Amino acid sequence: MKITQQFNWEATHQHVSHTLHRHAFRLTVELSGSPASLALSEKVAEVLHPLIETWDDAVLVAAYDETLQEQLDRQGRKYAMLPKETTAEALSRYVADYFCLMAAPHLRSHGIEAVQVRVDGTSPDAAEAVPEEHGFARVAFRSDRYGSAKWGRAA
């Protein structure tokens, strides 16, 4: 059985060329495993809504970019700090880590065997990921502009 949920938000982020530009983002979370309940669907939303609300209409900033942070502070603009880059691939990995950390016990109790997270932006960037931590083992990975990864539950 699969459960898929999507979330949308708009945010600005810094491109590798150091220019700021805005995207409409779509996050897709897919859970696979034994038959799951509606409560699991509600748990996905419960875990991810605060994150999406923080990012919506914000500038996404890598934690190491102190210059951009200071500039946004001076301008009084809303921003959200991320531990690494703000690419689609980095966002998908961050969401996957966050989601698994916050929901792992719930996922296991509902027989979830695999989790896939995909982030799409209005540019051609798209990426999928779920971390190896939290009891999910990587079963496939392709790393390029459209990086994707699927992880299954560790035995």
N, C-alpha and C. Protein backbone atom coordinates (compact mmCIF):
# COMPACT_ATOMS: atom_id res chain seq x y z
N MET A 1 0.85 -1.19 0.00
CA MET A 1 0.00 0.00 0.00
C MET A 1 0.89 1.24 0.00
N LYS A 2 0.42 2.27 -0.68
CA LYS A 2 1.15 3.54 -0.70
C LYS A 2 0.24 4.68 -0.27
N ILE A 3 0.82 5.59 0.48
CA ILE A 3 0.15 6.83 0.85
C ILE A 3 1.01 7.96 0.30
N THR A 4 0.40 8.87 -0.43
CA THR A 4 1.12 10.00 -0.99
C THR A 4 0.44 11.29 -0.55
N GLN A 5 1.25 12.23 -0.07
CA GLN A 5 0.72 13.55 0.29
C GLN A 5 1.60 14.61 -0.34
N GLN A 6 0.96 15.72 -0.73
CA GLN A 6 1.70 16.83 -1.32
C GLN A 6 1.45 18.10 -0.53
N PHE A 7 2.49 18.93 -0.48
CA PHE A 7 2.44 20.22 0.20
C PHE A 7 3.05 21.25 -0.75
N ASN A 8 2.51 22.45 -0.75
CA ASN A 8 3.01 23.51 -1.62
C ASN A 8 3.39 24.73 -0.80
N TRP A 9 4.43 25.43 -1.26
CA TRP A 9 4.82 26.69 -0.65
C TRP A 9 5.61 27.49 -1.66
N GLU A 10 5.75 28.77 -1.38
CA GLU A 10 6.58 29.64 -2.21
C GLU A 10 7.68 30.21 -1.34
N ALA A 11 8.89 30.24 -1.91
CA ALA A 11 10.03 30.76 -1.15
C ALA A 11 11.09 31.27 -2.13
N THR A 12 11.94 32.09 -1.59
CA THR A 12 13.09 32.59 -2.34
C THR A 12 14.31 31.85 -1.83
N HIS A 13 15.22 31.55 -2.74
CA HIS A 13 16.48 30.95 -2.30
C HIS A 13 17.60 31.46 -3.18
N GLN A 14 18.81 31.22 -2.71
CA GLN A 14 19.98 31.71 -3.44
C GLN A 14 20.48 30.62 -4.37
N HIS A 15 20.56 30.97 -5.63
CA HIS A 15 21.06 30.07 -6.65
C HIS A 15 22.57 29.95 -6.50
N VAL A 16 23.16 28.91 -7.09
CA VAL A 16 24.60 28.73 -7.00
C VAL A 16 25.36 29.93 -7.57
N SER A 17 24.71 30.71 -8.43
CA SER A 17 25.34 31.92 -8.98
C SER A 17 25.22 33.09 -8.01
N HIS A 18 24.69 32.85 -6.82
CA HIS A 18 24.53 33.84 -5.75
C HIS A 18 23.44 34.86 -6.02
N THR A 19 22.55 34.57 -6.96
CA THR A 19 21.40 35.45 -7.17
C THR A 19 20.20 34.87 -6.44
N LEU A 20 19.38 35.75 -5.89
CA LEU A 20 18.16 35.30 -5.23
C LEU A 20 17.05 35.17 -6.27
N HIS A 21 16.30 34.10 -6.19
CA HIS A 21 15.14 33.95 -7.06
C HIS A 21 14.08 33.13 -6.35
N ARG A 22 12.84 33.34 -6.77
CA ARG A 22 11.67 32.76 -6.10
C ARG A 22 11.17 31.54 -6.87
N HIS A 23 10.67 30.57 -6.11
CA HIS A 23 10.08 29.36 -6.67
C HIS A 23 8.74 29.08 -6.00
N ALA A 24 7.90 28.42 -6.73
CA ALA A 24 6.77 27.72 -6.13
C ALA A 24 7.29 26.29 -5.96
N PHE A 25 7.30 25.80 -4.73
CA PHE A 25 7.81 24.46 -4.45
C PHE A 25 6.66 23.51 -4.20
N ARG A 26 6.88 22.26 -4.57
CA ARG A 26 5.93 21.19 -4.24
C ARG A 26 6.72 20.06 -3.58
N LEU A 27 6.26 19.66 -2.41
CA LEU A 27 6.86 18.56 -1.66
C LEU A 27 5.92 17.37 -1.75
N THR A 28 6.45 16.22 -2.17
CA THR A 28 5.67 14.99 -2.22
C THR A 28 6.31 13.98 -1.29
N VAL A 29 5.51 13.42 -0.39
CA VAL A 29 5.98 12.39 0.52
C VAL A 29 5.19 11.12 0.22
N GLU A 30 5.91 10.05 -0.05
CA GLU A 30 5.27 8.77 -0.36
C GLU A 30 5.73 7.72 0.64
N LEU A 31 4.78 7.06 1.28
CA LEU A 31 5.06 6.01 2.25
C LEU A 31 4.58 4.69 1.68
N SER A 32 5.38 3.65 1.80
CA SER A 32 5.03 2.32 1.29
C SER A 32 5.17 1.30 2.40
N GLY A 33 4.26 0.32 2.39
CA GLY A 33 4.35 -0.74 3.38
C GLY A 33 3.04 -1.47 3.50
N SER A 34 2.85 -2.08 4.65
CA SER A 34 1.61 -2.80 4.90
C SER A 34 0.46 -1.79 5.00
N PRO A 35 -0.77 -2.27 4.90
CA PRO A 35 -1.89 -1.33 4.91
C PRO A 35 -1.80 -0.33 6.06
N ALA A 36 -1.87 0.92 5.71
CA ALA A 36 -1.76 1.99 6.70
C ALA A 36 -3.11 2.65 6.91
N SER A 37 -3.22 3.34 8.00
CA SER A 37 -4.50 3.96 8.36
C SER A 37 -4.51 5.43 7.99
N LEU A 38 -5.70 6.02 8.06
CA LEU A 38 -5.86 7.46 7.84
C LEU A 38 -5.06 8.24 8.87
N ALA A 39 -4.91 7.68 10.06
CA ALA A 39 -4.15 8.35 11.12
C ALA A 39 -2.72 8.61 10.66
N LEU A 40 -2.17 7.72 9.85
CA LEU A 40 -0.81 7.91 9.35
C LEU A 40 -0.76 9.11 8.41
N SER A 41 -1.77 9.24 7.58
CA SER A 41 -1.85 10.40 6.68
C SER A 41 -1.90 11.69 7.49
N GLU A 42 -2.66 11.68 8.55
CA GLU A 42 -2.76 12.84 9.42
C GLU A 42 -1.42 13.13 10.11
N LYS A 43 -0.66 12.09 10.43
CA LYS A 43 0.64 12.26 11.07
C LYS A 43 1.63 12.94 10.12
N VAL A 44 1.59 12.58 8.84
CA VAL A 44 2.46 13.22 7.84
C VAL A 44 2.19 14.72 7.85
N ALA A 45 0.93 15.09 7.77
CA ALA A 45 0.57 16.51 7.76
C ALA A 45 0.96 17.19 9.07
N GLU A 46 0.72 16.52 10.19
CA GLU A 46 1.05 17.08 11.51
C GLU A 46 2.55 17.38 11.62
N VAL A 47 3.38 16.49 11.11
CA VAL A 47 4.83 16.65 11.21
C VAL A 47 5.33 17.73 10.25
N LEU A 48 4.79 17.76 9.02
CA LEU A 48 5.36 18.63 7.99
C LEU A 48 4.76 20.03 7.90
N HIS A 49 3.53 20.23 8.35
CA HIS A 49 2.93 21.57 8.26
C HIS A 49 3.75 22.67 8.94
N PRO A 50 4.26 22.45 10.14
CA PRO A 50 5.07 23.52 10.76
C PRO A 50 6.30 23.88 9.93
N LEU A 51 6.93 22.89 9.32
CA LEU A 51 8.09 23.15 8.48
C LEU A 51 7.70 23.97 7.25
N ILE A 52 6.63 23.56 6.59
CA ILE A 52 6.17 24.27 5.39
C ILE A 52 5.75 25.69 5.73
N GLU A 53 5.06 25.87 6.85
CA GLU A 53 4.65 27.21 7.27
C GLU A 53 5.86 28.11 7.52
N THR A 54 6.93 27.54 8.08
CA THR A 54 8.15 28.30 8.33
C THR A 54 8.78 28.74 7.01
N TRP A 55 8.76 27.89 6.02
CA TRP A 55 9.39 28.18 4.73
C TRP A 55 8.54 29.03 3.81
N ASP A 56 7.22 29.00 3.96
CA ASP A 56 6.34 29.71 3.03
C ASP A 56 6.59 31.22 3.09
N ASP A 57 6.78 31.82 1.94
CA ASP A 57 7.04 33.26 1.79
C ASP A 57 8.30 33.72 2.52
N ALA A 58 9.25 32.80 2.70
CA ALA A 58 10.52 33.15 3.36
C ALA A 58 11.66 33.06 2.34
N VAL A 59 12.79 33.61 2.73
CA VAL A 59 14.03 33.39 1.99
C VAL A 59 14.72 32.22 2.67
N LEU A 60 15.03 31.18 1.92
CA LEU A 60 15.72 30.01 2.46
C LEU A 60 17.22 30.30 2.43
N VAL A 61 17.86 30.19 3.59
CA VAL A 61 19.26 30.60 3.72
C VAL A 61 20.09 29.45 4.29
N ALA A 62 21.21 29.18 3.66
CA ALA A 62 22.15 28.19 4.20
C ALA A 62 22.79 28.76 5.46
N ALA A 63 22.93 27.92 6.47
CA ALA A 63 23.44 28.38 7.77
C ALA A 63 24.81 29.04 7.67
N TYR A 64 25.62 28.63 6.72
CA TYR A 64 26.97 29.21 6.60
C TYR A 64 26.98 30.58 5.93
N ASP A 65 25.85 31.01 5.38
CA ASP A 65 25.81 32.28 4.63
C ASP A 65 25.46 33.45 5.55
N GLU A 66 26.42 33.83 6.37
CA GLU A 66 26.20 34.90 7.35
C GLU A 66 25.96 36.25 6.68
N THR A 67 26.56 36.47 5.53
CA THR A 67 26.37 37.73 4.81
C THR A 67 24.91 37.91 4.41
N LEU A 68 24.31 36.87 3.86
CA LEU A 68 22.90 36.95 3.46
C LEU A 68 22.01 37.10 4.70
N GLN A 69 22.31 36.39 5.76
CA GLN A 69 21.53 36.51 7.00
C GLN A 69 21.53 37.95 7.50
N GLU A 70 22.71 38.57 7.54
CA GLU A 70 22.82 39.95 8.01
C GLU A 70 22.04 40.90 7.10
N GLN A 71 22.13 40.68 5.81
CA GLN A 71 21.41 41.52 4.84
C GLN A 71 19.89 41.41 5.05
N LEU A 72 19.41 40.20 5.24
CA LEU A 72 17.97 40.00 5.45
C LEU A 72 17.52 40.57 6.79
N ASP A 73 18.36 40.45 7.81
CA ASP A 73 18.05 41.06 9.11
C ASP A 73 17.88 42.57 8.98
N ARG A 74 18.83 43.21 8.27
CA ARG A 74 18.75 44.67 8.07
C ARG A 74 17.48 45.06 7.31
N GLN A 75 17.06 44.22 6.39
CA GLN A 75 15.87 44.51 5.59
C GLN A 75 14.57 44.10 6.30
N GLY A 76 14.70 43.38 7.39
CA GLY A 76 13.52 42.93 8.13
C GLY A 76 12.72 41.86 7.39
N ARG A 77 13.39 41.08 6.56
CA ARG A 77 12.71 40.05 5.77
C ARG A 77 12.67 38.72 6.52
N LYS A 78 11.60 37.99 6.27
CA LYS A 78 11.44 36.66 6.85
C LYS A 78 12.41 35.70 6.15
N TYR A 79 13.14 34.90 6.95
CA TYR A 79 13.98 33.88 6.36
C TYR A 79 14.01 32.66 7.25
N ALA A 80 14.38 31.54 6.64
CA ALA A 80 14.47 30.27 7.35
C ALA A 80 15.86 29.70 7.12
N MET A 81 16.50 29.30 8.20
CA MET A 81 17.85 28.75 8.13
C MET A 81 17.81 27.26 7.82
N LEU A 82 18.68 26.86 6.91
CA LEU A 82 18.85 25.45 6.58
C LEU A 82 20.29 25.07 6.85
N PRO A 83 20.55 23.84 7.25
CA PRO A 83 21.91 23.46 7.61
C PRO A 83 22.89 23.44 6.44
N LYS A 84 22.38 23.29 5.22
CA LYS A 84 23.25 23.22 4.04
C LYS A 84 22.70 24.11 2.95
N GLU A 85 22.99 23.77 1.72
CA GLU A 85 22.53 24.54 0.57
C GLU A 85 21.00 24.55 0.50
N THR A 86 20.49 25.39 -0.39
CA THR A 86 19.03 25.51 -0.53
C THR A 86 18.56 24.98 -1.89
N THR A 87 19.31 24.04 -2.46
CA THR A 87 18.90 23.41 -3.72
C THR A 87 17.76 22.44 -3.46
N ALA A 88 17.09 22.01 -4.54
CA ALA A 88 16.01 21.02 -4.39
C ALA A 88 16.53 19.74 -3.75
N GLU A 89 17.73 19.32 -4.13
CA GLU A 89 18.29 18.10 -3.55
C GLU A 89 18.53 18.28 -2.05
N ALA A 90 19.12 19.40 -1.66
CA ALA A 90 19.38 19.64 -0.24
C ALA A 90 18.07 19.75 0.54
N LEU A 91 17.07 20.40 -0.04
CA LEU A 91 15.76 20.51 0.63
C LEU A 91 15.14 19.13 0.81
N SER A 92 15.20 18.29 -0.21
CA SER A 92 14.59 16.96 -0.09
C SER A 92 15.29 16.14 0.99
N ARG A 93 16.61 16.24 1.06
CA ARG A 93 17.34 15.51 2.10
C ARG A 93 17.01 16.06 3.49
N TYR A 94 16.90 17.38 3.60
CA TYR A 94 16.56 17.99 4.89
C TYR A 94 15.16 17.55 5.34
N VAL A 95 14.19 17.61 4.42
CA VAL A 95 12.83 17.19 4.76
C VAL A 95 12.81 15.71 5.15
N ALA A 96 13.53 14.89 4.40
CA ALA A 96 13.57 13.47 4.71
C ALA A 96 14.14 13.22 6.10
N ASP A 97 15.25 13.88 6.42
CA ASP A 97 15.84 13.75 7.76
C ASP A 97 14.86 14.19 8.84
N TYR A 98 14.30 15.38 8.64
CA TYR A 98 13.36 15.96 9.60
C TYR A 98 12.16 15.03 9.79
N PHE A 99 11.58 14.59 8.68
CA PHE A 99 10.38 13.75 8.74
C PHE A 99 10.67 12.43 9.45
N CYS A 100 11.75 11.77 9.08
CA CYS A 100 12.07 10.49 9.71
C CYS A 100 12.39 10.65 11.19
N LEU A 101 13.09 11.71 11.55
CA LEU A 101 13.39 11.96 12.95
C LEU A 101 12.11 12.17 13.76
N MET A 102 11.21 12.97 13.22
CA MET A 102 9.99 13.32 13.95
C MET A 102 8.94 12.21 13.93
N ALA A 103 8.94 11.36 12.89
CA ALA A 103 7.85 10.39 12.72
C ALA A 103 8.29 8.93 12.73
N ALA A 104 9.57 8.63 12.91
CA ALA A 104 10.05 7.26 12.79
C ALA A 104 9.28 6.25 13.65
N PRO A 105 9.07 6.51 14.94
CA PRO A 105 8.32 5.52 15.74
C PRO A 105 6.91 5.28 15.19
N HIS A 106 6.27 6.34 14.75
CA HIS A 106 4.92 6.23 14.20
C HIS A 106 4.93 5.43 12.90
N LEU A 107 5.94 5.68 12.06
CA LEU A 107 6.05 4.96 10.79
C LEU A 107 6.24 3.47 11.03
N ARG A 108 7.13 3.14 11.94
CA ARG A 108 7.40 1.72 12.23
C ARG A 108 6.17 1.03 12.79
N SER A 109 5.45 1.71 13.66
CA SER A 109 4.27 1.08 14.27
C SER A 109 3.16 0.84 13.26
N HIS A 110 3.22 1.54 12.12
CA HIS A 110 2.22 1.35 11.07
C HIS A 110 2.75 0.50 9.91
N GLY A 111 3.89 -0.14 10.10
CA GLY A 111 4.41 -1.06 9.10
C GLY A 111 4.96 -0.40 7.85
N ILE A 112 5.40 0.84 7.96
CA ILE A 112 5.98 1.53 6.79
C ILE A 112 7.36 0.95 6.53
N GLU A 113 7.61 0.54 5.28
CA GLU A 113 8.88 -0.07 4.90
C GLU A 113 9.75 0.85 4.07
N ALA A 114 9.16 1.84 3.41
CA ALA A 114 9.94 2.76 2.58
C ALA A 114 9.31 4.14 2.60
N VAL A 115 10.17 5.14 2.53
CA VAL A 115 9.73 6.54 2.50
C VAL A 115 10.45 7.21 1.34
N GLN A 116 9.72 8.00 0.59
CA GLN A 116 10.34 8.77 -0.49
C GLN A 116 9.86 10.21 -0.39
N VAL A 117 10.79 11.13 -0.48
CA VAL A 117 10.50 12.56 -0.42
C VAL A 117 10.97 13.19 -1.71
N ARG A 118 10.12 13.98 -2.33
CA ARG A 118 10.48 14.66 -3.58
C ARG A 118 10.16 16.14 -3.44
N VAL A 119 11.11 16.99 -3.85
CA VAL A 119 10.90 18.43 -3.86
C VAL A 119 11.05 18.90 -5.30
N ASP A 120 10.04 19.56 -5.81
CA ASP A 120 10.06 20.14 -7.15
C ASP A 120 9.94 21.65 -7.01
N GLY A 121 10.69 22.36 -7.82
CA GLY A 121 10.58 23.81 -7.89
C GLY A 121 10.14 24.22 -9.28
N THR A 122 9.87 25.51 -9.49
CA THR A 122 9.43 25.96 -10.80
C THR A 122 10.54 25.95 -11.82
N SER A 123 11.79 25.82 -11.36
CA SER A 123 12.90 25.64 -12.29
C SER A 123 13.00 24.15 -12.58
N PRO A 124 13.93 23.72 -13.43
CA PRO A 124 14.03 22.29 -13.71
C PRO A 124 14.63 21.48 -12.58
N ASP A 125 14.82 22.06 -11.41
CA ASP A 125 15.37 21.32 -10.27
C ASP A 125 14.30 20.42 -9.67
N ALA A 126 14.69 19.20 -9.38
CA ALA A 126 13.84 18.27 -8.66
C ALA A 126 14.75 17.26 -7.99
N ALA A 127 14.37 16.82 -6.81
CA ALA A 127 15.21 15.85 -6.12
C ALA A 127 14.37 15.02 -5.18
N GLU A 128 14.81 13.79 -4.96
CA GLU A 128 14.14 12.88 -4.05
C GLU A 128 15.16 12.31 -3.08
N ALA A 129 14.74 12.11 -1.85
CA ALA A 129 15.67 11.53 -0.88
C ALA A 129 14.97 11.08 0.38
N VAL A 130 15.58 10.14 1.06
CA VAL A 130 15.24 9.77 2.43
C VAL A 130 16.54 9.28 3.05
N PRO A 131 16.86 9.69 4.25
CA PRO A 131 18.15 9.35 4.84
C PRO A 131 18.26 7.90 5.27
N GLU A 132 19.50 7.47 5.44
CA GLU A 132 19.75 6.11 5.91
C GLU A 132 19.55 5.99 7.41
N GLU A 133 19.58 7.11 8.11
CA GLU A 133 19.40 7.06 9.55
C GLU A 133 17.95 6.70 9.88
N HIS A 134 17.67 6.51 11.12
CA HIS A 134 16.33 6.28 11.63
C HIS A 134 15.74 4.94 11.18
N GLY A 135 16.60 3.96 10.85
CA GLY A 135 16.11 2.63 10.52
C GLY A 135 15.68 2.43 9.08
N PHE A 136 15.99 3.36 8.20
CA PHE A 136 15.67 3.19 6.79
C PHE A 136 16.98 3.07 6.02
N ALA A 137 17.14 2.00 5.24
CA ALA A 137 18.38 1.76 4.52
C ALA A 137 18.21 2.15 3.06
N ARG A 138 19.24 2.74 2.48
CA ARG A 138 19.19 3.17 1.10
C ARG A 138 19.20 1.95 0.18
N VAL A 139 18.30 1.94 -0.79
CA VAL A 139 18.27 0.83 -1.75
C VAL A 139 18.60 1.29 -3.16
N ALA A 140 18.57 2.58 -3.45
CA ALA A 140 18.92 3.08 -4.78
C ALA A 140 19.26 4.55 -4.69
N PHE A 141 20.17 4.99 -5.56
CA PHE A 141 20.49 6.41 -5.59
C PHE A 141 21.04 6.79 -6.95
N ARG A 142 20.60 7.91 -7.46
CA ARG A 142 21.14 8.49 -8.69
C ARG A 142 21.39 9.95 -8.39
N SER A 143 22.59 10.40 -8.57
CA SER A 143 22.92 11.78 -8.24
C SER A 143 23.23 12.56 -9.50
N ASP A 144 22.35 13.46 -9.83
CA ASP A 144 22.57 14.41 -10.92
C ASP A 144 21.64 15.58 -10.65
N ARG A 145 21.41 16.42 -11.62
CA ARG A 145 20.54 17.58 -11.39
C ARG A 145 19.17 17.16 -10.89
N TYR A 146 18.70 16.01 -11.33
CA TYR A 146 17.41 15.49 -10.90
C TYR A 146 17.65 14.32 -9.95
N GLY A 147 18.47 14.56 -8.94
CA GLY A 147 18.85 13.50 -8.01
C GLY A 147 17.64 12.81 -7.40
N SER A 148 17.71 11.52 -7.30
CA SER A 148 16.61 10.79 -6.68
C SER A 148 17.17 9.69 -5.83
N ALA A 149 16.44 9.36 -4.81
CA ALA A 149 16.84 8.25 -3.95
C ALA A 149 15.61 7.67 -3.30
N LYS A 150 15.64 6.37 -3.11
CA LYS A 150 14.57 5.69 -2.39
C LYS A 150 15.24 4.84 -1.33
N TRP A 151 14.67 4.85 -0.18
CA TRP A 151 15.22 4.05 0.90
C TRP A 151 14.15 3.09 1.38
N GLY A 152 14.58 1.91 1.79
CA GLY A 152 13.68 0.94 2.38
C GLY A 152 14.07 0.74 3.83
N ARG A 153 13.21 0.13 4.56
CA ARG A 153 13.47 -0.09 5.98
C ARG A 153 14.59 -1.10 6.18
N ALA A 154 15.50 -0.80 7.07
CA ALA A 154 16.62 -1.70 7.34
C ALA A 154 16.11 -2.97 8.01
N ALA A 155 16.72 -4.07 7.65
CA ALA A 155 16.29 -5.35 8.23
C ALA A 155 16.75 -5.49 9.66
